[in-house]
Amino acid sequence: MNNHNGTGTTQDSQLEQELNGLRRQYEQLRDQKVRTEQDIANLSSQLEGLKAQAKAEYGTDNPEELQALLNQKRQENERVVSEYREHVQKIQSDLAAVENAVDGDR
């Protein structure tokens, strides 16, 4: 009978420890859930702000349309840089021609 009480007490103690561990785990999960919900609310608010900004600046908040606009702007930038490169090369060429003419006159 004494041995049974000792075993019962050990089992009770083990169950109590497990229960305390489960409570701590539950509290951690509850805290994590609250933080995650706050993160979702913050990110949703940021997303809405960015959508409003995109709509105001680009006339749309649709990701596909924004990507198309970005691609269009990149192509336009490539064209402008290419034209500017050609312009600079023309200036260099004209300058070299003038320098050669001046050197030839000496």
PDB file of N, CA and C in Angstrom:
ATOM      1  N   MET A   1       0.819  -1.188   0.000  1.00  0.00           N
ATOM      2  CA  MET A   1       0.000   0.000   0.000  1.00  0.00           C
ATOM      3  C   MET A   1       0.865   1.253   0.000  1.00  0.00           C
ATOM      4  N   ASN A   2       1.912   1.278   0.779  1.00  0.00           N
ATOM      5  CA  ASN A   2       2.814   2.403   0.818  1.00  0.00           C
ATOM      6  C   ASN A   2       3.445   2.636  -0.541  1.00  0.00           C
ATOM      7  N   ASN A   3       3.841   1.560  -1.197  1.00  0.00           N
ATOM      8  CA  ASN A   3       4.472   1.637  -2.514  1.00  0.00           C
ATOM      9  C   ASN A   3       3.510   2.229  -3.534  1.00  0.00           C
ATOM     10  N   HIS A   4       2.251   1.862  -3.437  1.00  0.00           N
ATOM     11  CA  HIS A   4       1.238   2.378  -4.358  1.00  0.00           C
ATOM     12  C   HIS A   4       1.097   3.893  -4.202  1.00  0.00           C
ATOM     13  N   ASN A   5       1.084   4.359  -2.955  1.00  0.00           N
ATOM     14  CA  ASN A   5       0.991   5.801  -2.717  1.00  0.00           C
ATOM     15  C   ASN A   5       2.211   6.520  -3.262  1.00  0.00           C
ATOM     16  N   GLY A   6       3.384   5.913  -3.128  1.00  0.00           N
ATOM     17  CA  GLY A   6       4.602   6.498  -3.665  1.00  0.00           C
ATOM     18  C   GLY A   6       4.530   6.583  -5.174  1.00  0.00           C
ATOM     19  N   THR A   7       4.041   5.554  -5.805  1.00  0.00           N
ATOM     20  CA  THR A   7       3.900   5.543  -7.256  1.00  0.00           C
ATOM     21  C   THR A   7       2.852   6.554  -7.688  1.00  0.00           C
ATOM     22  N   GLY A   8       1.761   6.620  -6.950  1.00  0.00           N
ATOM     23  CA  GLY A   8       0.711   7.581  -7.265  1.00  0.00           C
ATOM     24  C   GLY A   8       1.215   9.003  -7.123  1.00  0.00           C
ATOM     25  N   THR A   9       1.991   9.260  -6.111  1.00  0.00           N
ATOM     26  CA  THR A   9       2.544  10.590  -5.904  1.00  0.00           C
ATOM     27  C   THR A   9       3.520  10.942  -7.013  1.00  0.00           C
ATOM     28  N   THR A  10       4.309   9.955  -7.433  1.00  0.00           N
ATOM     29  CA  THR A  10       5.243  10.182  -8.533  1.00  0.00           C
ATOM     30  C   THR A  10       4.481  10.478  -9.812  1.00  0.00           C
ATOM     31  N   GLN A  11       3.445   9.723 -10.073  1.00  0.00           N
ATOM     32  CA  GLN A  11       2.628   9.967 -11.259  1.00  0.00           C
ATOM     33  C   GLN A  11       1.962  11.335 -11.191  1.00  0.00           C
ATOM     34  N   ASP A  12       1.445  11.686 -10.010  1.00  0.00           N
ATOM     35  CA  ASP A  12       0.829  13.000  -9.837  1.00  0.00           C
ATOM     36  C   ASP A  12       1.838  14.105 -10.091  1.00  0.00           C
ATOM     37  N   SER A  13       3.029  13.900  -9.565  1.00  0.00           N
ATOM     38  CA  SER A  13       4.084  14.899  -9.739  1.00  0.00           C
ATOM     39  C   SER A  13       4.458  15.034 -11.218  1.00  0.00           C
ATOM     40  N   GLN A  14       4.552  13.903 -11.895  1.00  0.00           N
ATOM     41  CA  GLN A  14       4.880  13.924 -13.326  1.00  0.00           C
ATOM     42  C   GLN A  14       3.776  14.619 -14.131  1.00  0.00           C
ATOM     43  N   LEU A  15       2.527  14.298 -13.793  1.00  0.00           N
ATOM     44  CA  LEU A  15       1.401  14.927 -14.479  1.00  0.00           C
ATOM     45  C   LEU A  15       1.374  16.432 -14.214  1.00  0.00           C
ATOM     46  N   GLU A  16       1.681  16.814 -12.976  1.00  0.00           N
ATOM     47  CA  GLU A  16       1.695  18.233 -12.631  1.00  0.00           C
ATOM     48  C   GLU A  16       2.805  18.953 -13.407  1.00  0.00           C
ATOM     49  N   GLN A  17       3.960  18.342 -13.513  1.00  0.00           N
ATOM     50  CA  GLN A  17       5.061  18.929 -14.284  1.00  0.00           C
ATOM     51  C   GLN A  17       4.689  19.054 -15.759  1.00  0.00           C
ATOM     52  N   GLU A  18       4.088  17.988 -16.280  1.00  0.00           N
ATOM     53  CA  GLU A  18       3.671  18.031 -17.681  1.00  0.00           C
ATOM     54  C   GLU A  18       2.616  19.111 -17.899  1.00  0.00           C
ATOM     55  N   LEU A  19       1.670  19.215 -16.977  1.00  0.00           N
ATOM     56  CA  LEU A  19       0.626  20.225 -17.074  1.00  0.00           C
ATOM     57  C   LEU A  19       1.238  21.627 -17.037  1.00  0.00           C
ATOM     58  N   ASN A  20       2.188  21.855 -16.147  1.00  0.00           N
ATOM     59  CA  ASN A  20       2.853  23.158 -16.075  1.00  0.00           C
ATOM     60  C   ASN A  20       3.613  23.461 -17.370  1.00  0.00           C
ATOM     61  N   GLY A  21       4.259  22.454 -17.928  1.00  0.00           N
ATOM     62  CA  GLY A  21       4.953  22.623 -19.207  1.00  0.00           C
ATOM     63  C   GLY A  21       3.987  22.954 -20.326  1.00  0.00           C
ATOM     64  N   LEU A  22       2.856  22.272 -20.321  1.00  0.00           N
ATOM     65  CA  LEU A  22       1.841  22.534 -21.348  1.00  0.00           C
ATOM     66  C   LEU A  22       1.256  23.944 -21.183  1.00  0.00           C
ATOM     67  N   ARG A  23       1.084  24.382 -19.952  1.00  0.00           N
ATOM     68  CA  ARG A  23       0.578  25.744 -19.721  1.00  0.00           C
ATOM     69  C   ARG A  23       1.565  26.778 -20.255  1.00  0.00           C
ATOM     70  N   ARG A  24       2.858  26.569 -19.959  1.00  0.00           N
ATOM     71  CA  ARG A  24       3.868  27.495 -20.468  1.00  0.00           C
ATOM     72  C   ARG A  24       3.866  27.510 -22.001  1.00  0.00           C
ATOM     73  N   GLN A  25       3.764  26.323 -22.568  1.00  0.00           N
ATOM     74  CA  GLN A  25       3.735  26.223 -24.030  1.00  0.00           C
ATOM     75  C   GLN A  25       2.501  26.923 -24.591  1.00  0.00           C
ATOM     76  N   TYR A  26       1.360  26.752 -23.934  1.00  0.00           N
ATOM     77  CA  TYR A  26       0.128  27.404 -24.367  1.00  0.00           C
ATOM     78  C   TYR A  26       0.285  28.924 -24.295  1.00  0.00           C
ATOM     79  N   GLU A  27       0.855  29.424 -23.192  1.00  0.00           N
ATOM     80  CA  GLU A  27       1.045  30.866 -23.041  1.00  0.00           C
ATOM     81  C   GLU A  27       1.982  31.410 -24.118  1.00  0.00           C
ATOM     82  N   GLN A  28       3.036  30.670 -24.417  1.00  0.00           N
ATOM     83  CA  GLN A  28       3.948  31.091 -25.482  1.00  0.00           C
ATOM     84  C   GLN A  28       3.232  31.136 -26.828  1.00  0.00           C
ATOM     85  N   LEU A  29       2.437  30.111 -27.104  1.00  0.00           N
ATOM     86  CA  LEU A  29       1.689  30.070 -28.360  1.00  0.00           C
ATOM     87  C   LEU A  29       0.661  31.198 -28.425  1.00  0.00           C
ATOM     88  N   ARG A  30       0.009  31.473 -27.298  1.00  0.00           N
ATOM     89  CA  ARG A  30      -0.965  32.561 -27.253  1.00  0.00           C
ATOM     90  C   ARG A  30      -0.272  33.900 -27.522  1.00  0.00           C
ATOM     91  N   ASP A  31       0.880  34.110 -26.894  1.00  0.00           N
ATOM     92  CA  ASP A  31       1.644  35.342 -27.124  1.00  0.00           C
ATOM     93  C   ASP A  31       2.092  35.445 -28.578  1.00  0.00           C
ATOM     94  N   GLN A  32       2.542  34.332 -29.119  1.00  0.00           N
ATOM     95  CA  GLN A  32       2.968  34.316 -30.523  1.00  0.00           C
ATOM     96  C   GLN A  32       1.789  34.637 -31.439  1.00  0.00           C
ATOM     97  N   LYS A  33       0.619  34.111 -31.113  1.00  0.00           N
ATOM     98  CA  LYS A  33      -0.584  34.385 -31.906  1.00  0.00           C
ATOM     99  C   LYS A  33      -0.921  35.869 -31.867  1.00  0.00           C
ATOM    100  N   VAL A  34      -0.837  36.479 -30.688  1.00  0.00           N
ATOM    101  CA  VAL A  34      -1.130  37.911 -30.554  1.00  0.00           C
ATOM    102  C   VAL A  34      -0.132  38.717 -31.377  1.00  0.00           C
ATOM    103  N   ARG A  35       1.157  38.377 -31.280  1.00  0.00           N
ATOM    104  CA  ARG A  35       2.176  39.099 -32.062  1.00  0.00           C
ATOM    105  C   ARG A  35       1.941  38.927 -33.556  1.00  0.00           C
ATOM    106  N   THR A  36       1.602  37.723 -33.963  1.00  0.00           N
ATOM    107  CA  THR A  36       1.345  37.458 -35.377  1.00  0.00           C
ATOM    108  C   THR A  36       0.131  38.244 -35.867  1.00  0.00           C
ATOM    109  N   GLU A  37      -0.913  38.297 -35.064  1.00  0.00           N
ATOM    110  CA  GLU A  37      -2.095  39.074 -35.436  1.00  0.00           C
ATOM    111  C   GLU A  37      -1.760  40.557 -35.544  1.00  0.00           C
ATOM    112  N   GLN A  38      -0.913  41.059 -34.637  1.00  0.00           N
ATOM    113  CA  GLN A  38      -0.483  42.461 -34.703  1.00  0.00           C
ATOM    114  C   GLN A  38       0.345  42.699 -35.963  1.00  0.00           C
ATOM    115  N   ASP A  39       1.238  41.756 -36.283  1.00  0.00           N
ATOM    116  CA  ASP A  39       2.047  41.867 -37.496  1.00  0.00           C
ATOM    117  C   ASP A  39       1.157  41.909 -38.735  1.00  0.00           C
ATOM    118  N   ILE A  40       0.158  41.039 -38.759  1.00  0.00           N
ATOM    119  CA  ILE A  40      -0.763  40.999 -39.901  1.00  0.00           C
ATOM    120  C   ILE A  40      -1.503  42.324 -40.029  1.00  0.00           C
ATOM    121  N   ALA A  41      -1.960  42.869 -38.900  1.00  0.00           N
ATOM    122  CA  ALA A  41      -2.678  44.149 -38.931  1.00  0.00           C
ATOM    123  C   ALA A  41      -1.754  45.260 -39.426  1.00  0.00           C
ATOM    124  N   ASN A  42      -0.512  45.287 -38.928  1.00  0.00           N
ATOM    125  CA  ASN A  42       0.447  46.313 -39.363  1.00  0.00           C
ATOM    126  C   ASN A  42       0.769  46.180 -40.845  1.00  0.00           C
ATOM    127  N   LEU A  43       1.026  44.955 -41.289  1.00  0.00           N
ATOM    128  CA  LEU A  43       1.359  44.732 -42.694  1.00  0.00           C
ATOM    129  C   LEU A  43       0.172  45.044 -43.606  1.00  0.00           C
ATOM    130  N   SER A  44      -1.021  44.717 -43.155  1.00  0.00           N
ATOM    131  CA  SER A  44      -2.220  45.038 -43.943  1.00  0.00           C
ATOM    132  C   SER A  44      -2.373  46.547 -44.078  1.00  0.00           C
ATOM    133  N   SER A  45      -2.106  47.260 -42.996  1.00  0.00           N
ATOM    134  CA  SER A  45      -2.183  48.719 -43.032  1.00  0.00           C
ATOM    135  C   SER A  45      -1.132  49.293 -43.976  1.00  0.00           C
ATOM    136  N   GLN A  46       0.089  48.768 -43.907  1.00  0.00           N
ATOM    137  CA  GLN A  46       1.154  49.220 -44.805  1.00  0.00           C
ATOM    138  C   GLN A  46       0.791  48.933 -46.253  1.00  0.00           C
ATOM    139  N   LEU A  47       0.235  47.749 -46.498  1.00  0.00           N
ATOM    140  CA  LEU A  47      -0.158  47.374 -47.855  1.00  0.00           C
ATOM    141  C   LEU A  47      -1.211  48.333 -48.390  1.00  0.00           C
ATOM    142  N   GLU A  48      -2.192  48.661 -47.575  1.00  0.00           N
ATOM    143  CA  GLU A  48      -3.234  49.589 -48.016  1.00  0.00           C
ATOM    144  C   GLU A  48      -2.634  50.965 -48.317  1.00  0.00           C
ATOM    145  N   GLY A  49      -1.695  51.402 -47.485  1.00  0.00           N
ATOM    146  CA  GLY A  49      -1.027  52.677 -47.734  1.00  0.00           C
ATOM    147  C   GLY A  49      -0.247  52.661 -49.032  1.00  0.00           C
ATOM    148  N   LEU A  50       0.471  51.565 -49.277  1.00  0.00           N
ATOM    149  CA  LEU A  50       1.241  51.438 -50.519  1.00  0.00           C
ATOM    150  C   LEU A  50       0.330  51.348 -51.739  1.00  0.00           C
ATOM    151  N   LYS A  51      -0.789  50.668 -51.588  1.00  0.00           N
ATOM    152  CA  LYS A  51      -1.748  50.598 -52.696  1.00  0.00           C
ATOM    153  C   LYS A  51      -2.283  51.986 -53.025  1.00  0.00           C
ATOM    154  N   ALA A  52      -2.609  52.760 -51.989  1.00  0.00           N
ATOM    155  CA  ALA A  52      -3.117  54.121 -52.206  1.00  0.00           C
ATOM    156  C   ALA A  52      -2.046  54.980 -52.867  1.00  0.00           C
ATOM    157  N   GLN A  53      -0.807  54.828 -52.433  1.00  0.00           N
ATOM    158  CA  GLN A  53       0.297  55.588 -53.021  1.00  0.00           C
ATOM    159  C   GLN A  53       0.498  55.204 -54.490  1.00  0.00           C
ATOM    160  N   ALA A  54       0.460  53.911 -54.781  1.00  0.00           N
ATOM    161  CA  ALA A  54       0.619  53.447 -56.165  1.00  0.00           C
ATOM    162  C   ALA A  54      -0.524  53.966 -57.030  1.00  0.00           C
ATOM    163  N   LYS A  55      -1.716  53.918 -56.500  1.00  0.00           N
ATOM    164  CA  LYS A  55      -2.888  54.396 -57.244  1.00  0.00           C
ATOM    165  C   LYS A  55      -2.743  55.888 -57.551  1.00  0.00           C
ATOM    166  N   ALA A  56      -2.257  56.664 -56.567  1.00  0.00           N
ATOM    167  CA  ALA A  56      -2.106  58.104 -56.755  1.00  0.00           C
ATOM    168  C   ALA A  56      -0.984  58.423 -57.741  1.00  0.00           C
ATOM    169  N   GLU A  57       0.120  57.685 -57.642  1.00  0.00           N
ATOM    170  CA  GLU A  57       1.285  57.991 -58.476  1.00  0.00           C
ATOM    171  C   GLU A  57       1.209  57.374 -59.872  1.00  0.00           C
ATOM    172  N   TYR A  58       0.627  56.186 -59.977  1.00  0.00           N
ATOM    173  CA  TYR A  58       0.667  55.459 -61.245  1.00  0.00           C
ATOM    174  C   TYR A  58      -0.701  55.141 -61.820  1.00  0.00           C
ATOM    175  N   GLY A  59      -1.751  55.504 -61.098  1.00  0.00           N
ATOM    176  CA  GLY A  59      -3.096  55.299 -61.608  1.00  0.00           C
ATOM    177  C   GLY A  59      -3.618  53.882 -61.425  1.00  0.00           C
ATOM    178  N   THR A  60      -2.843  53.031 -60.766  1.00  0.00           N
ATOM    179  CA  THR A  60      -3.290  51.660 -60.531  1.00  0.00           C
ATOM    180  C   THR A  60      -2.568  51.102 -59.319  1.00  0.00           C
ATOM    181  N   ASP A  61      -3.203  50.102 -58.688  1.00  0.00           N
ATOM    182  CA  ASP A  61      -2.534  49.369 -57.622  1.00  0.00           C
ATOM    183  C   ASP A  61      -2.447  47.881 -57.978  1.00  0.00           C
ATOM    184  N   ASN A  62      -2.772  47.581 -59.237  1.00  0.00           N
ATOM    185  CA  ASN A  62      -2.722  46.205 -59.722  1.00  0.00           C
ATOM    186  C   ASN A  62      -1.267  45.808 -59.962  1.00  0.00           C
ATOM    187  N   PRO A  63      -0.778  44.743 -59.308  1.00  0.00           N
ATOM    188  CA  PRO A  63       0.630  44.350 -59.451  1.00  0.00           C
ATOM    189  C   PRO A  63       1.055  44.075 -60.898  1.00  0.00           C
ATOM    190  N   GLU A  64       0.191  43.448 -61.680  1.00  0.00           N
ATOM    191  CA  GLU A  64       0.541  43.153 -63.073  1.00  0.00           C
ATOM    192  C   GLU A  64       0.678  44.437 -63.891  1.00  0.00           C
ATOM    193  N   GLU A  65      -0.239  45.373 -63.660  1.00  0.00           N
ATOM    194  CA  GLU A  65      -0.173  46.650 -64.372  1.00  0.00           C
ATOM    195  C   GLU A  65       1.049  47.451 -63.935  1.00  0.00           C
ATOM    196  N   LEU A  66       1.366  47.403 -62.644  1.00  0.00           N
ATOM    197  CA  LEU A  66       2.560  48.087 -62.149  1.00  0.00           C
ATOM    198  C   LEU A  66       3.824  47.481 -62.752  1.00  0.00           C
ATOM    199  N   GLN A  67       3.858  46.159 -62.873  1.00  0.00           N
ATOM    200  CA  GLN A  67       5.016  45.496 -63.489  1.00  0.00           C
ATOM    201  C   GLN A  67       5.159  45.906 -64.950  1.00  0.00           C
ATOM    202  N   ALA A  68       4.031  45.992 -65.661  1.00  0.00           N
ATOM    203  CA  ALA A  68       4.060  46.423 -67.060  1.00  0.00           C
ATOM    204  C   ALA A  68       4.569  47.860 -67.166  1.00  0.00           C
ATOM    205  N   LEU A  69       4.130  48.728 -66.262  1.00  0.00           N
ATOM    206  CA  LEU A  69       4.609  50.109 -66.250  1.00  0.00           C
ATOM    207  C   LEU A  69       6.109  50.161 -65.976  1.00  0.00           C
ATOM    208  N   LEU A  70       6.562  49.341 -65.037  1.00  0.00           N
ATOM    209  CA  LEU A  70       7.991  49.287 -64.728  1.00  0.00           C
ATOM    210  C   LEU A  70       8.793  48.838 -65.939  1.00  0.00           C
ATOM    211  N   ASN A  71       8.317  47.806 -66.614  1.00  0.00           N
ATOM    212  CA  ASN A  71       9.004  47.327 -67.821  1.00  0.00           C
ATOM    213  C   ASN A  71       9.050  48.414 -68.892  1.00  0.00           C
ATOM    214  N   GLN A  72       7.942  49.122 -69.043  1.00  0.00           N
ATOM    215  CA  GLN A  72       7.869  50.210 -70.020  1.00  0.00           C
ATOM    216  C   GLN A  72       8.874  51.308 -69.665  1.00  0.00           C
ATOM    217  N   LYS A  73       8.951  51.680 -68.387  1.00  0.00           N
ATOM    218  CA  LYS A  73       9.887  52.722 -67.949  1.00  0.00           C
ATOM    219  C   LYS A  73      11.335  52.264 -68.155  1.00  0.00           C
ATOM    220  N   ARG A  74      11.610  50.984 -67.911  1.00  0.00           N
ATOM    221  CA  ARG A  74      12.964  50.470 -68.119  1.00  0.00           C
ATOM    222  C   ARG A  74      13.359  50.560 -69.594  1.00  0.00           C
ATOM    223  N   GLN A  75      12.434  50.178 -70.472  1.00  0.00           N
ATOM    224  CA  GLN A  75      12.720  50.266 -71.908  1.00  0.00           C
ATOM    225  C   GLN A  75      12.944  51.716 -72.321  1.00  0.00           C
ATOM    226  N   GLU A  76      12.130  52.613 -71.791  1.00  0.00           N
ATOM    227  CA  GLU A  76      12.278  54.029 -72.099  1.00  0.00           C
ATOM    228  C   GLU A  76      13.639  54.543 -71.606  1.00  0.00           C
ATOM    229  N   ASN A  77      14.028  54.131 -70.399  1.00  0.00           N
ATOM    230  CA  ASN A  77      15.326  54.533 -69.859  1.00  0.00           C
ATOM    231  C   ASN A  77      16.473  54.006 -70.725  1.00  0.00           C
ATOM    232  N   GLU A  78      16.362  52.766 -71.176  1.00  0.00           N
ATOM    233  CA  GLU A  78      17.394  52.192 -72.054  1.00  0.00           C
ATOM    234  C   GLU A  78      17.496  53.014 -73.345  1.00  0.00           C
ATOM    235  N   ARG A  79      16.356  53.406 -73.898  1.00  0.00           N
ATOM    236  CA  ARG A  79      16.348  54.202 -75.127  1.00  0.00           C
ATOM    237  C   ARG A  79      17.003  55.557 -74.890  1.00  0.00           C
ATOM    238  N   VAL A  80      16.640  56.216 -73.789  1.00  0.00           N
ATOM    239  CA  VAL A  80      17.186  57.537 -73.479  1.00  0.00           C
ATOM    240  C   VAL A  80      18.696  57.452 -73.256  1.00  0.00           C
ATOM    241  N   VAL A  81      19.141  56.448 -72.525  1.00  0.00           N
ATOM    242  CA  VAL A  81      20.583  56.280 -72.283  1.00  0.00           C
ATOM    243  C   VAL A  81      21.312  56.017 -73.596  1.00  0.00           C
ATOM    244  N   SER A  82      20.721  55.206 -74.445  1.00  0.00           N
ATOM    245  CA  SER A  82      21.332  54.923 -75.743  1.00  0.00           C
ATOM    246  C   SER A  82      21.456  56.195 -76.578  1.00  0.00           C
ATOM    247  N   GLU A  83      20.401  56.985 -76.610  1.00  0.00           N
ATOM    248  CA  GLU A  83      20.433  58.249 -77.358  1.00  0.00           C
ATOM    249  C   GLU A  83      21.474  59.198 -76.769  1.00  0.00           C
ATOM    250  N   TYR A  84      21.563  59.266 -75.468  1.00  0.00           N
ATOM    251  CA  TYR A  84      22.524  60.140 -74.817  1.00  0.00           C
ATOM    252  C   TYR A  84      23.957  59.672 -75.095  1.00  0.00           C
ATOM    253  N   ARG A  85      24.146  58.347 -75.071  1.00  0.00           N
ATOM    254  CA  ARG A  85      25.462  57.768 -75.392  1.00  0.00           C
ATOM    255  C   ARG A  85      25.878  58.175 -76.803  1.00  0.00           C
ATOM    256  N   GLU A  86      24.954  58.050 -77.754  1.00  0.00           N
ATOM    257  CA  GLU A  86      25.243  58.433 -79.142  1.00  0.00           C
ATOM    258  C   GLU A  86      25.560  59.928 -79.235  1.00  0.00           C
ATOM    259  N   HIS A  87      24.827  60.744 -78.493  1.00  0.00           N
ATOM    260  CA  HIS A  87      25.054  62.182 -78.484  1.00  0.00           C
ATOM    261  C   HIS A  87      26.460  62.500 -77.955  1.00  0.00           C
ATOM    262  N   VAL A  88      26.860  61.873 -76.859  1.00  0.00           N
ATOM    263  CA  VAL A  88      28.184  62.090 -76.279  1.00  0.00           C
ATOM    264  C   VAL A  88      29.267  61.620 -77.249  1.00  0.00           C
ATOM    265  N   GLN A  89      29.033  60.477 -77.880  1.00  0.00           N
ATOM    266  CA  GLN A  89      30.018  59.976 -78.852  1.00  0.00           C
ATOM    267  C   GLN A  89      30.152  60.940 -80.031  1.00  0.00           C
ATOM    268  N   LYS A  90      29.043  61.529 -80.465  1.00  0.00           N
ATOM    269  CA  LYS A  90      29.072  62.501 -81.565  1.00  0.00           C
ATOM    270  C   LYS A  90      29.870  63.733 -81.164  1.00  0.00           C
ATOM    271  N   ILE A  91      29.652  64.191 -79.935  1.00  0.00           N
ATOM    272  CA  ILE A  91      30.406  65.349 -79.448  1.00  0.00           C
ATOM    273  C   ILE A  91      31.903  65.020 -79.410  1.00  0.00           C
ATOM    274  N   GLN A  92      32.235  63.827 -78.913  1.00  0.00           N
ATOM    275  CA  GLN A  92      33.646  63.426 -78.864  1.00  0.00           C
ATOM    276  C   GLN A  92      34.248  63.366 -80.267  1.00  0.00           C
ATOM    277  N   SER A  93      33.476  62.827 -81.185  1.00  0.00           N
ATOM    278  CA  SER A  93      33.940  62.712 -82.571  1.00  0.00           C
ATOM    279  C   SER A  93      34.135  64.098 -83.182  1.00  0.00           C
ATOM    280  N   ASP A  94      33.165  64.998 -82.988  1.00  0.00           N
ATOM    281  CA  ASP A  94      33.275  66.364 -83.518  1.00  0.00           C
ATOM    282  C   ASP A  94      34.458  67.093 -82.885  1.00  0.00           C
ATOM    283  N   LEU A  95      34.649  66.886 -81.572  1.00  0.00           N
ATOM    284  CA  LEU A  95      35.761  67.524 -80.882  1.00  0.00           C
ATOM    285  C   LEU A  95      37.094  67.015 -81.427  1.00  0.00           C
ATOM    286  N   ALA A  96      37.178  65.728 -81.668  1.00  0.00           N
ATOM    287  CA  ALA A  96      38.403  65.151 -82.234  1.00  0.00           C
ATOM    288  C   ALA A  96      38.657  65.712 -83.621  1.00  0.00           C
ATOM    289  N   ALA A  97      37.604  65.881 -84.414  1.00  0.00           N
ATOM    290  CA  ALA A  97      37.749  66.440 -85.759  1.00  0.00           C
ATOM    291  C   ALA A  97      38.260  67.876 -85.682  1.00  0.00           C
ATOM    292  N   VAL A  98      37.740  68.662 -84.746  1.00  0.00           N
ATOM    293  CA  VAL A  98      38.184  70.046 -84.577  1.00  0.00           C
ATOM    294  C   VAL A  98      39.646  70.060 -84.138  1.00  0.00           C
ATOM    295  N   GLU A  99      40.015  69.215 -83.195  1.00  0.00           N
ATOM    296  CA  GLU A  99      41.402  69.148 -82.734  1.00  0.00           C
ATOM    297  C   GLU A  99      42.341  68.749 -83.869  1.00  0.00           C
ATOM    298  N   ASN A 100      41.916  67.807 -84.686  1.00  0.00           N
ATOM    299  CA  ASN A 100      42.728  67.385 -85.836  1.00  0.00           C
ATOM    300  C   ASN A 100      42.878  68.515 -86.838  1.00  0.00           C
ATOM    301  N   ALA A 101      41.815  69.266 -87.046  1.00  0.00           N
ATOM    302  CA  ALA A 101      41.875  70.392 -87.984  1.00  0.00           C
ATOM    303  C   ALA A 101      42.828  71.466 -87.467  1.00  0.00           C
ATOM    304  N   VAL A 102      42.789  71.715 -86.157  1.00  0.00           N
ATOM    305  CA  VAL A 102      43.669  72.725 -85.552  1.00  0.00           C
ATOM    306  C   VAL A 102      45.115  72.254 -85.643  1.00  0.00           C
ATOM    307  N   ASP A 103      45.340  70.983 -85.358  1.00  0.00           N
ATOM    308  CA  ASP A 103      46.692  70.432 -85.433  1.00  0.00           C
ATOM    309  C   ASP A 103      47.189  70.441 -86.855  1.00  0.00           C
ATOM    310  N   GLY A 104      46.311  70.226 -87.819  1.00  0.00           N
ATOM    311  CA  GLY A 104      46.692  70.235 -89.245  1.00  0.00           C
ATOM    312  C   GLY A 104      47.049  71.629 -89.733  1.00  0.00           C
ATOM    313  N   ASP A 105      46.455  72.632 -89.113  1.00  0.00           N
ATOM    314  CA  ASP A 105      46.742  74.016 -89.517  1.00  0.00           C
ATOM    315  C   ASP A 105      48.076  74.516 -88.979  1.00  0.00           C
ATOM    316  N   ARG A 106      48.685  73.871 -88.087  1.00  0.00           N
ATOM    317  CA  ARG A 106      49.934  74.326 -87.473  1.00  0.00           C
ATOM    318  C   ARG A 106      51.106  74.026 -88.307  1.00  0.00           C
TER     319      ARG A 106
END
